[in-house]
Amino acid sequence: MTSSRRSVAIALIALSPLALAACEKPNPGVTVWSGTNSEHVPALCWEHDPATAIGPATCAQDVLDAAGQGQGITAIRVRPGDTVGISVDTKVADAGWSVQIGGQPLVTGLTETYYRFTFPQTVETGGAGYTMQITAAAKPTGNRGIWFFQLVPR
């Protein structure tokens, strides 16, 4: 190997840890489905340290507020009476997770990677549907991650 090639190789090897350090870990995802409709999305906000809760430094409050009102989030078409399934990454299940619909708790303290429920037969939504929020717990308290979906009756 020539001297110039060796220098380039050494420089690339020396810089490779810096390139890897710049890579961010992807946020874990949640998949929601009903019938033939399925959507997988990464966490809107996620704290990689399991002992730290998300806060204003890691997730902008205006983004959370907009998503909580159903703005700019993934919609799932749901037929009343159908089963809605939720599948979470293992990191989410390990932390414990919960589901809220329309601001009301549906289930809390889940540690499995899958949960399902039946969408109600009689739904009064005015066509907009319900905002479903999935949260992963941080230890000892708070939320580690948040996902939003809009359940829209069809």
N, C-alpha and C. Protein backbone atom coordinates (compact mmCIF):
# COMPACT_ATOMS: atom_id res chain seq x y z
N MET A 1 0.86 -1.16 0.00
CA MET A 1 0.00 0.00 0.00
C MET A 1 0.91 1.23 0.00
N THR A 2 0.55 2.20 -0.81
CA THR A 2 1.37 3.41 -0.90
C THR A 2 1.14 4.27 0.33
N SER A 3 2.04 5.18 0.53
CA SER A 3 2.00 6.06 1.71
C SER A 3 0.74 6.89 1.74
N SER A 4 0.31 7.43 0.57
CA SER A 4 -0.89 8.27 0.55
C SER A 4 -2.15 7.44 0.83
N ARG A 5 -2.21 6.23 0.30
CA ARG A 5 -3.38 5.37 0.56
C ARG A 5 -3.42 4.97 2.03
N ARG A 6 -2.27 4.69 2.60
CA ARG A 6 -2.19 4.33 4.01
C ARG A 6 -2.66 5.51 4.87
N SER A 7 -2.28 6.71 4.51
CA SER A 7 -2.69 7.90 5.27
C SER A 7 -4.20 8.09 5.20
N VAL A 8 -4.77 7.89 4.01
CA VAL A 8 -6.22 8.01 3.85
C VAL A 8 -6.93 6.94 4.67
N ALA A 9 -6.43 5.70 4.63
CA ALA A 9 -7.04 4.61 5.39
C ALA A 9 -6.99 4.90 6.88
N ILE A 10 -5.87 5.39 7.37
CA ILE A 10 -5.73 5.70 8.79
C ILE A 10 -6.68 6.84 9.17
N ALA A 11 -6.80 7.85 8.32
CA ALA A 11 -7.70 8.96 8.59
C ALA A 11 -9.16 8.48 8.64
N LEU A 12 -9.56 7.60 7.73
CA LEU A 12 -10.93 7.08 7.73
C LEU A 12 -11.21 6.26 8.98
N ILE A 13 -10.24 5.46 9.39
CA ILE A 13 -10.41 4.65 10.60
C ILE A 13 -10.53 5.57 11.81
N ALA A 14 -9.72 6.60 11.85
CA ALA A 14 -9.75 7.53 12.98
C ALA A 14 -11.06 8.31 13.05
N LEU A 15 -11.66 8.62 11.91
CA LEU A 15 -12.90 9.41 11.88
C LEU A 15 -14.16 8.56 12.02
N SER A 16 -14.07 7.26 11.83
CA SER A 16 -15.27 6.41 11.85
C SER A 16 -16.01 6.46 13.19
N PRO A 17 -15.34 6.51 14.36
CA PRO A 17 -16.12 6.64 15.60
C PRO A 17 -16.91 7.94 15.67
N LEU A 18 -16.38 9.01 15.09
CA LEU A 18 -17.12 10.27 15.08
C LEU A 18 -18.37 10.17 14.22
N ALA A 19 -18.27 9.49 13.11
CA ALA A 19 -19.44 9.32 12.24
C ALA A 19 -20.50 8.48 12.93
N LEU A 20 -20.07 7.45 13.64
CA LEU A 20 -21.04 6.61 14.35
C LEU A 20 -21.66 7.35 15.52
N ALA A 21 -20.90 8.20 16.17
CA ALA A 21 -21.42 8.96 17.30
C ALA A 21 -22.51 9.92 16.87
N ALA A 22 -22.47 10.38 15.64
CA ALA A 22 -23.47 11.32 15.14
C ALA A 22 -24.80 10.63 14.84
N CYS A 23 -24.81 9.32 14.73
CA CYS A 23 -26.04 8.59 14.44
C CYS A 23 -26.92 8.56 15.68
N GLU A 24 -28.20 8.83 15.50
CA GLU A 24 -29.13 8.75 16.61
C GLU A 24 -29.84 7.41 16.57
N LYS A 25 -30.14 6.90 17.75
CA LYS A 25 -30.94 5.68 17.83
C LYS A 25 -32.36 6.03 17.39
N PRO A 26 -32.99 5.17 16.62
CA PRO A 26 -34.37 5.46 16.23
C PRO A 26 -35.30 5.29 17.44
N ASN A 27 -36.35 6.06 17.46
CA ASN A 27 -37.35 5.92 18.51
C ASN A 27 -38.12 4.62 18.28
N PRO A 28 -38.48 3.92 19.36
CA PRO A 28 -39.26 2.70 19.19
C PRO A 28 -40.62 3.02 18.59
N GLY A 29 -41.20 2.02 17.96
CA GLY A 29 -42.47 2.24 17.27
C GLY A 29 -43.63 1.49 17.89
N VAL A 30 -44.81 1.91 17.47
CA VAL A 30 -46.07 1.28 17.86
C VAL A 30 -46.86 1.04 16.58
N THR A 31 -47.47 -0.13 16.49
CA THR A 31 -48.35 -0.45 15.36
C THR A 31 -49.77 -0.59 15.87
N VAL A 32 -50.70 0.07 15.18
CA VAL A 32 -52.12 -0.04 15.51
C VAL A 32 -52.84 -0.52 14.26
N TRP A 33 -53.77 -1.45 14.43
CA TRP A 33 -54.52 -1.93 13.27
C TRP A 33 -55.95 -2.27 13.66
N SER A 34 -56.80 -2.25 12.64
CA SER A 34 -58.18 -2.69 12.75
C SER A 34 -58.60 -3.13 11.36
N GLY A 35 -59.15 -4.33 11.27
CA GLY A 35 -59.52 -4.88 9.96
C GLY A 35 -58.28 -4.98 9.09
N THR A 36 -58.33 -4.35 7.92
CA THR A 36 -57.18 -4.38 7.01
C THR A 36 -56.34 -3.10 7.09
N ASN A 37 -56.70 -2.20 8.00
CA ASN A 37 -55.96 -0.95 8.17
C ASN A 37 -54.89 -1.12 9.24
N SER A 38 -53.67 -0.72 8.92
CA SER A 38 -52.56 -0.85 9.85
C SER A 38 -51.59 0.32 9.66
N GLU A 39 -51.11 0.86 10.78
CA GLU A 39 -50.14 1.95 10.73
C GLU A 39 -49.08 1.73 11.80
N HIS A 40 -47.81 1.93 11.42
CA HIS A 40 -46.68 1.83 12.35
C HIS A 40 -46.01 3.20 12.39
N VAL A 41 -45.85 3.75 13.59
CA VAL A 41 -45.21 5.05 13.73
C VAL A 41 -44.19 5.02 14.86
N PRO A 42 -43.10 5.78 14.71
CA PRO A 42 -42.15 5.92 15.81
C PRO A 42 -42.73 6.87 16.87
N ALA A 43 -42.14 6.85 18.04
CA ALA A 43 -42.61 7.72 19.12
C ALA A 43 -42.50 9.18 18.71
N LEU A 44 -43.54 9.93 19.03
CA LEU A 44 -43.51 11.38 18.81
C LEU A 44 -42.41 11.99 19.68
N CYS A 45 -42.31 11.49 20.90
CA CYS A 45 -41.26 11.89 21.84
C CYS A 45 -40.77 10.62 22.53
N TRP A 46 -39.47 10.50 22.73
CA TRP A 46 -38.90 9.33 23.38
C TRP A 46 -37.63 9.72 24.13
N GLU A 47 -37.53 9.27 25.36
CA GLU A 47 -36.33 9.48 26.17
C GLU A 47 -35.57 8.15 26.22
N HIS A 48 -34.34 8.14 25.70
CA HIS A 48 -33.57 6.90 25.63
C HIS A 48 -33.12 6.40 26.99
N ASP A 49 -33.03 7.26 27.99
CA ASP A 49 -32.67 6.86 29.34
C ASP A 49 -33.94 6.42 30.07
N PRO A 50 -34.05 5.13 30.46
CA PRO A 50 -35.29 4.65 31.07
C PRO A 50 -35.60 5.28 32.42
N ALA A 51 -34.62 5.92 33.05
CA ALA A 51 -34.85 6.54 34.35
C ALA A 51 -35.23 8.01 34.23
N THR A 52 -35.36 8.52 33.01
CA THR A 52 -35.66 9.93 32.80
C THR A 52 -37.00 10.08 32.08
N ALA A 53 -37.84 10.94 32.61
CA ALA A 53 -39.12 11.23 31.97
C ALA A 53 -38.93 12.30 30.91
N ILE A 54 -39.77 12.26 29.88
CA ILE A 54 -39.71 13.31 28.86
C ILE A 54 -40.21 14.61 29.47
N GLY A 55 -39.70 15.69 28.96
CA GLY A 55 -40.10 17.00 29.45
C GLY A 55 -39.93 18.01 28.34
N PRO A 56 -40.06 19.29 28.65
CA PRO A 56 -39.94 20.33 27.63
C PRO A 56 -38.62 20.28 26.88
N ALA A 57 -37.56 19.81 27.51
CA ALA A 57 -36.26 19.76 26.82
C ALA A 57 -36.23 18.68 25.75
N THR A 58 -37.03 17.62 25.91
CA THR A 58 -37.01 16.52 24.95
C THR A 58 -38.23 16.48 24.04
N CYS A 59 -39.28 17.23 24.38
CA CYS A 59 -40.49 17.19 23.56
C CYS A 59 -41.21 18.52 23.69
N ALA A 60 -41.40 19.19 22.61
CA ALA A 60 -42.05 20.51 22.61
C ALA A 60 -43.51 20.38 23.02
N GLN A 61 -43.94 21.18 23.96
CA GLN A 61 -45.31 21.11 24.48
C GLN A 61 -46.34 21.43 23.40
N ASP A 62 -46.03 22.35 22.48
CA ASP A 62 -47.01 22.69 21.44
C ASP A 62 -47.25 21.51 20.49
N VAL A 63 -46.22 20.68 20.26
CA VAL A 63 -46.37 19.49 19.42
C VAL A 63 -47.29 18.50 20.13
N LEU A 64 -47.08 18.30 21.42
CA LEU A 64 -47.93 17.39 22.19
C LEU A 64 -49.37 17.88 22.23
N ASP A 65 -49.56 19.18 22.44
CA ASP A 65 -50.91 19.74 22.50
C ASP A 65 -51.65 19.54 21.18
N ALA A 66 -50.98 19.80 20.06
CA ALA A 66 -51.60 19.64 18.74
C ALA A 66 -51.96 18.17 18.50
N ALA A 67 -51.04 17.28 18.82
CA ALA A 67 -51.30 15.85 18.63
C ALA A 67 -52.43 15.39 19.54
N GLY A 68 -52.46 15.88 20.76
CA GLY A 68 -53.52 15.52 21.69
C GLY A 68 -54.90 15.94 21.22
N GLN A 69 -54.96 16.93 20.33
CA GLN A 69 -56.23 17.38 19.75
C GLN A 69 -56.48 16.75 18.39
N GLY A 70 -55.64 15.77 18.01
CA GLY A 70 -55.86 15.05 16.77
C GLY A 70 -55.28 15.72 15.54
N GLN A 71 -54.45 16.73 15.70
CA GLN A 71 -53.89 17.46 14.57
C GLN A 71 -52.54 16.87 14.16
N GLY A 72 -52.41 16.52 12.89
CA GLY A 72 -51.14 16.05 12.36
C GLY A 72 -50.72 14.68 12.85
N ILE A 73 -51.69 13.81 13.17
CA ILE A 73 -51.34 12.47 13.62
C ILE A 73 -51.93 11.42 12.68
N THR A 74 -51.44 10.21 12.79
CA THR A 74 -51.84 9.11 11.92
C THR A 74 -53.26 8.66 12.24
N ALA A 75 -54.08 8.52 11.21
CA ALA A 75 -55.47 8.09 11.38
C ALA A 75 -55.61 6.61 11.03
N ILE A 76 -56.44 5.93 11.80
CA ILE A 76 -56.80 4.52 11.56
C ILE A 76 -58.31 4.47 11.39
N ARG A 77 -58.76 3.95 10.26
CA ARG A 77 -60.19 3.79 10.01
C ARG A 77 -60.66 2.55 10.78
N VAL A 78 -61.71 2.72 11.59
CA VAL A 78 -62.20 1.66 12.45
C VAL A 78 -63.70 1.51 12.27
N ARG A 79 -64.14 0.29 12.10
CA ARG A 79 -65.57 0.01 11.99
C ARG A 79 -66.08 -0.31 13.40
N PRO A 80 -67.15 0.36 13.86
CA PRO A 80 -67.70 0.05 15.19
C PRO A 80 -67.95 -1.45 15.35
N GLY A 81 -67.52 -1.98 16.49
CA GLY A 81 -67.65 -3.40 16.77
C GLY A 81 -66.42 -4.21 16.40
N ASP A 82 -65.49 -3.63 15.63
CA ASP A 82 -64.28 -4.33 15.24
C ASP A 82 -63.22 -4.29 16.35
N THR A 83 -62.30 -5.21 16.26
CA THR A 83 -61.18 -5.26 17.19
C THR A 83 -60.10 -4.29 16.74
N VAL A 84 -59.54 -3.56 17.70
CA VAL A 84 -58.40 -2.69 17.46
C VAL A 84 -57.22 -3.32 18.18
N GLY A 85 -56.13 -3.57 17.46
CA GLY A 85 -54.94 -4.16 18.05
C GLY A 85 -53.82 -3.15 18.15
N ILE A 86 -53.04 -3.26 19.22
CA ILE A 86 -51.88 -2.38 19.44
C ILE A 86 -50.69 -3.27 19.73
N SER A 87 -49.63 -3.06 18.99
CA SER A 87 -48.39 -3.81 19.19
C SER A 87 -47.27 -2.81 19.43
N VAL A 88 -46.51 -3.02 20.52
CA VAL A 88 -45.43 -2.10 20.88
C VAL A 88 -44.09 -2.82 20.82
N ASP A 89 -43.02 -2.05 20.61
CA ASP A 89 -41.68 -2.61 20.65
C ASP A 89 -41.39 -3.12 22.06
N THR A 90 -40.46 -4.04 22.17
CA THR A 90 -40.09 -4.64 23.44
C THR A 90 -39.64 -3.59 24.45
N LYS A 91 -38.90 -2.57 24.00
CA LYS A 91 -38.46 -1.49 24.91
C LYS A 91 -39.65 -0.82 25.60
N VAL A 92 -40.73 -0.68 24.88
CA VAL A 92 -41.93 -0.04 25.42
C VAL A 92 -42.59 -0.97 26.44
N ALA A 93 -42.72 -2.24 26.09
CA ALA A 93 -43.35 -3.21 26.99
C ALA A 93 -42.54 -3.37 28.27
N ASP A 94 -41.22 -3.38 28.15
CA ASP A 94 -40.36 -3.52 29.32
C ASP A 94 -40.56 -2.38 30.31
N ALA A 95 -40.83 -1.20 29.81
CA ALA A 95 -41.02 -0.03 30.66
C ALA A 95 -42.41 0.00 31.28
N GLY A 96 -43.34 -0.69 30.67
CA GLY A 96 -44.74 -0.60 31.05
C GLY A 96 -45.40 0.49 30.21
N TRP A 97 -46.64 0.26 29.80
CA TRP A 97 -47.30 1.24 28.94
C TRP A 97 -48.79 1.28 29.22
N SER A 98 -49.42 2.34 28.72
CA SER A 98 -50.85 2.52 28.94
C SER A 98 -51.50 3.12 27.69
N VAL A 99 -52.82 3.02 27.66
CA VAL A 99 -53.60 3.53 26.53
C VAL A 99 -54.71 4.43 27.07
N GLN A 100 -54.85 5.60 26.45
CA GLN A 100 -55.96 6.51 26.74
C GLN A 100 -56.70 6.78 25.44
N ILE A 101 -58.00 6.90 25.53
CA ILE A 101 -58.81 7.28 24.37
C ILE A 101 -59.67 8.46 24.77
N GLY A 102 -59.56 9.54 24.01
CA GLY A 102 -60.31 10.75 24.32
C GLY A 102 -59.99 11.29 25.70
N GLY A 103 -58.74 11.10 26.14
CA GLY A 103 -58.31 11.59 27.45
C GLY A 103 -58.68 10.70 28.62
N GLN A 104 -59.39 9.60 28.36
CA GLN A 104 -59.81 8.68 29.41
C GLN A 104 -58.95 7.41 29.38
N PRO A 105 -58.44 6.97 30.54
CA PRO A 105 -57.63 5.75 30.56
C PRO A 105 -58.44 4.55 30.11
N LEU A 106 -57.88 3.78 29.19
CA LEU A 106 -58.49 2.52 28.75
C LEU A 106 -57.86 1.38 29.54
N VAL A 107 -56.52 1.39 29.61
CA VAL A 107 -55.79 0.36 30.35
C VAL A 107 -54.43 0.93 30.76
N THR A 108 -53.95 0.53 31.92
CA THR A 108 -52.64 0.99 32.40
C THR A 108 -51.83 -0.21 32.88
N GLY A 109 -50.52 -0.01 33.01
CA GLY A 109 -49.65 -1.04 33.56
C GLY A 109 -49.40 -2.24 32.68
N LEU A 110 -49.59 -2.11 31.38
CA LEU A 110 -49.33 -3.23 30.48
C LEU A 110 -47.83 -3.51 30.40
N THR A 111 -47.45 -4.79 30.34
CA THR A 111 -46.05 -5.16 30.16
C THR A 111 -45.88 -6.16 29.02
N GLU A 112 -46.97 -6.48 28.33
CA GLU A 112 -46.90 -7.33 27.15
C GLU A 112 -46.70 -6.45 25.92
N THR A 113 -46.33 -7.05 24.81
CA THR A 113 -46.12 -6.28 23.58
C THR A 113 -47.40 -6.12 22.76
N TYR A 114 -48.52 -6.70 23.21
CA TYR A 114 -49.74 -6.66 22.42
C TYR A 114 -50.94 -6.43 23.34
N TYR A 115 -51.88 -5.61 22.85
CA TYR A 115 -53.14 -5.39 23.55
C TYR A 115 -54.21 -5.19 22.49
N ARG A 116 -55.41 -5.63 22.78
CA ARG A 116 -56.52 -5.41 21.85
C ARG A 116 -57.79 -5.08 22.62
N PHE A 117 -58.69 -4.37 21.93
CA PHE A 117 -59.99 -4.02 22.51
C PHE A 117 -60.99 -3.90 21.37
N THR A 118 -62.27 -3.89 21.72
CA THR A 118 -63.35 -3.76 20.74
C THR A 118 -63.79 -2.31 20.68
N PHE A 119 -63.79 -1.76 19.47
CA PHE A 119 -64.26 -0.39 19.28
C PHE A 119 -65.77 -0.39 19.51
N PRO A 120 -66.30 0.58 20.28
CA PRO A 120 -67.72 0.57 20.64
C PRO A 120 -68.64 0.61 19.42
N GLN A 121 -69.79 -0.05 19.57
CA GLN A 121 -70.80 -0.07 18.50
C GLN A 121 -71.43 1.29 18.30
N THR A 122 -71.75 1.97 19.37
CA THR A 122 -72.39 3.28 19.27
C THR A 122 -71.36 4.35 19.61
N VAL A 123 -70.98 5.10 18.60
CA VAL A 123 -69.94 6.11 18.79
C VAL A 123 -70.46 7.45 18.31
N GLU A 124 -70.43 8.44 19.20
CA GLU A 124 -70.84 9.80 18.87
C GLU A 124 -69.58 10.65 18.77
N THR A 125 -69.02 10.79 17.56
CA THR A 125 -67.77 11.53 17.43
C THR A 125 -67.87 12.73 16.52
N GLY A 126 -68.98 12.89 15.84
CA GLY A 126 -69.10 14.00 14.90
C GLY A 126 -68.19 13.82 13.70
N GLY A 127 -67.76 12.59 13.44
CA GLY A 127 -66.93 12.30 12.27
C GLY A 127 -65.44 12.43 12.50
N ALA A 128 -65.03 13.13 13.54
CA ALA A 128 -63.59 13.34 13.77
C ALA A 128 -62.92 12.13 14.40
N GLY A 129 -63.67 11.32 15.11
CA GLY A 129 -63.09 10.17 15.78
C GLY A 129 -62.54 10.51 17.15
N TYR A 130 -61.75 9.60 17.66
CA TYR A 130 -61.15 9.74 18.98
C TYR A 130 -59.64 9.74 18.89
N THR A 131 -59.01 10.57 19.69
CA THR A 131 -57.55 10.57 19.77
C THR A 131 -57.14 9.51 20.78
N MET A 132 -56.29 8.58 20.33
CA MET A 132 -55.77 7.53 21.20
C MET A 132 -54.31 7.86 21.51
N GLN A 133 -53.99 7.90 22.78
CA GLN A 133 -52.63 8.20 23.23
C GLN A 133 -52.05 6.95 23.89
N ILE A 134 -50.86 6.59 23.48
CA ILE A 134 -50.14 5.47 24.07
C ILE A 134 -48.90 6.06 24.74
N THR A 135 -48.68 5.70 26.00
CA THR A 135 -47.53 6.23 26.72
C THR A 135 -46.71 5.10 27.30
N ALA A 136 -45.40 5.26 27.24
CA ALA A 136 -44.47 4.34 27.89
C ALA A 136 -44.02 4.99 29.19
N ALA A 137 -43.93 4.19 30.24
CA ALA A 137 -43.58 4.73 31.55
C ALA A 137 -42.07 4.91 31.69
N ALA A 138 -41.69 5.93 32.45
CA ALA A 138 -40.30 6.12 32.86
C ALA A 138 -40.22 5.68 34.32
N LYS A 139 -39.06 5.23 34.73
CA LYS A 139 -38.91 4.82 36.13
C LYS A 139 -38.07 5.84 36.84
N PRO A 140 -38.45 6.35 37.97
CA PRO A 140 -39.55 5.90 38.82
C PRO A 140 -40.91 6.49 38.46
N THR A 141 -40.97 7.69 37.83
CA THR A 141 -42.27 8.26 37.49
C THR A 141 -42.20 9.00 36.16
N GLY A 142 -43.36 9.33 35.63
CA GLY A 142 -43.44 10.10 34.39
C GLY A 142 -43.56 9.23 33.16
N ASN A 143 -43.54 9.88 32.01
CA ASN A 143 -43.64 9.19 30.72
C ASN A 143 -42.29 9.21 30.01
N ARG A 144 -41.95 8.07 29.44
CA ARG A 144 -40.71 7.95 28.68
C ARG A 144 -40.95 8.18 27.20
N GLY A 145 -42.15 7.87 26.73
CA GLY A 145 -42.47 8.03 25.31
C GLY A 145 -43.95 8.21 25.09
N ILE A 146 -44.30 8.84 23.94
CA ILE A 146 -45.69 9.12 23.62
C ILE A 146 -45.94 8.88 22.13
N TRP A 147 -47.07 8.23 21.84
CA TRP A 147 -47.54 8.02 20.47
C TRP A 147 -48.99 8.45 20.42
N PHE A 148 -49.43 8.99 19.28
CA PHE A 148 -50.83 9.38 19.09
C PHE A 148 -51.34 8.76 17.80
N PHE A 149 -52.61 8.33 17.83
CA PHE A 149 -53.34 7.84 16.66
C PHE A 149 -54.74 8.42 16.73
N GLN A 150 -55.34 8.66 15.58
CA GLN A 150 -56.74 9.10 15.52
C GLN A 150 -57.57 7.91 15.06
N LEU A 151 -58.51 7.45 15.89
CA LEU A 151 -59.41 6.36 15.53
C LEU A 151 -60.66 6.97 14.91
N VAL A 152 -60.84 6.74 13.62
CA VAL A 152 -61.91 7.37 12.85
C VAL A 152 -62.92 6.31 12.42
N PRO A 153 -64.19 6.40 12.91
CA PRO A 153 -65.20 5.43 12.49
C PRO A 153 -65.47 5.51 10.99
N ARG A 154 -65.69 4.35 10.39
CA ARG A 154 -66.03 4.34 8.97
C ARG A 154 -67.37 3.73 8.75
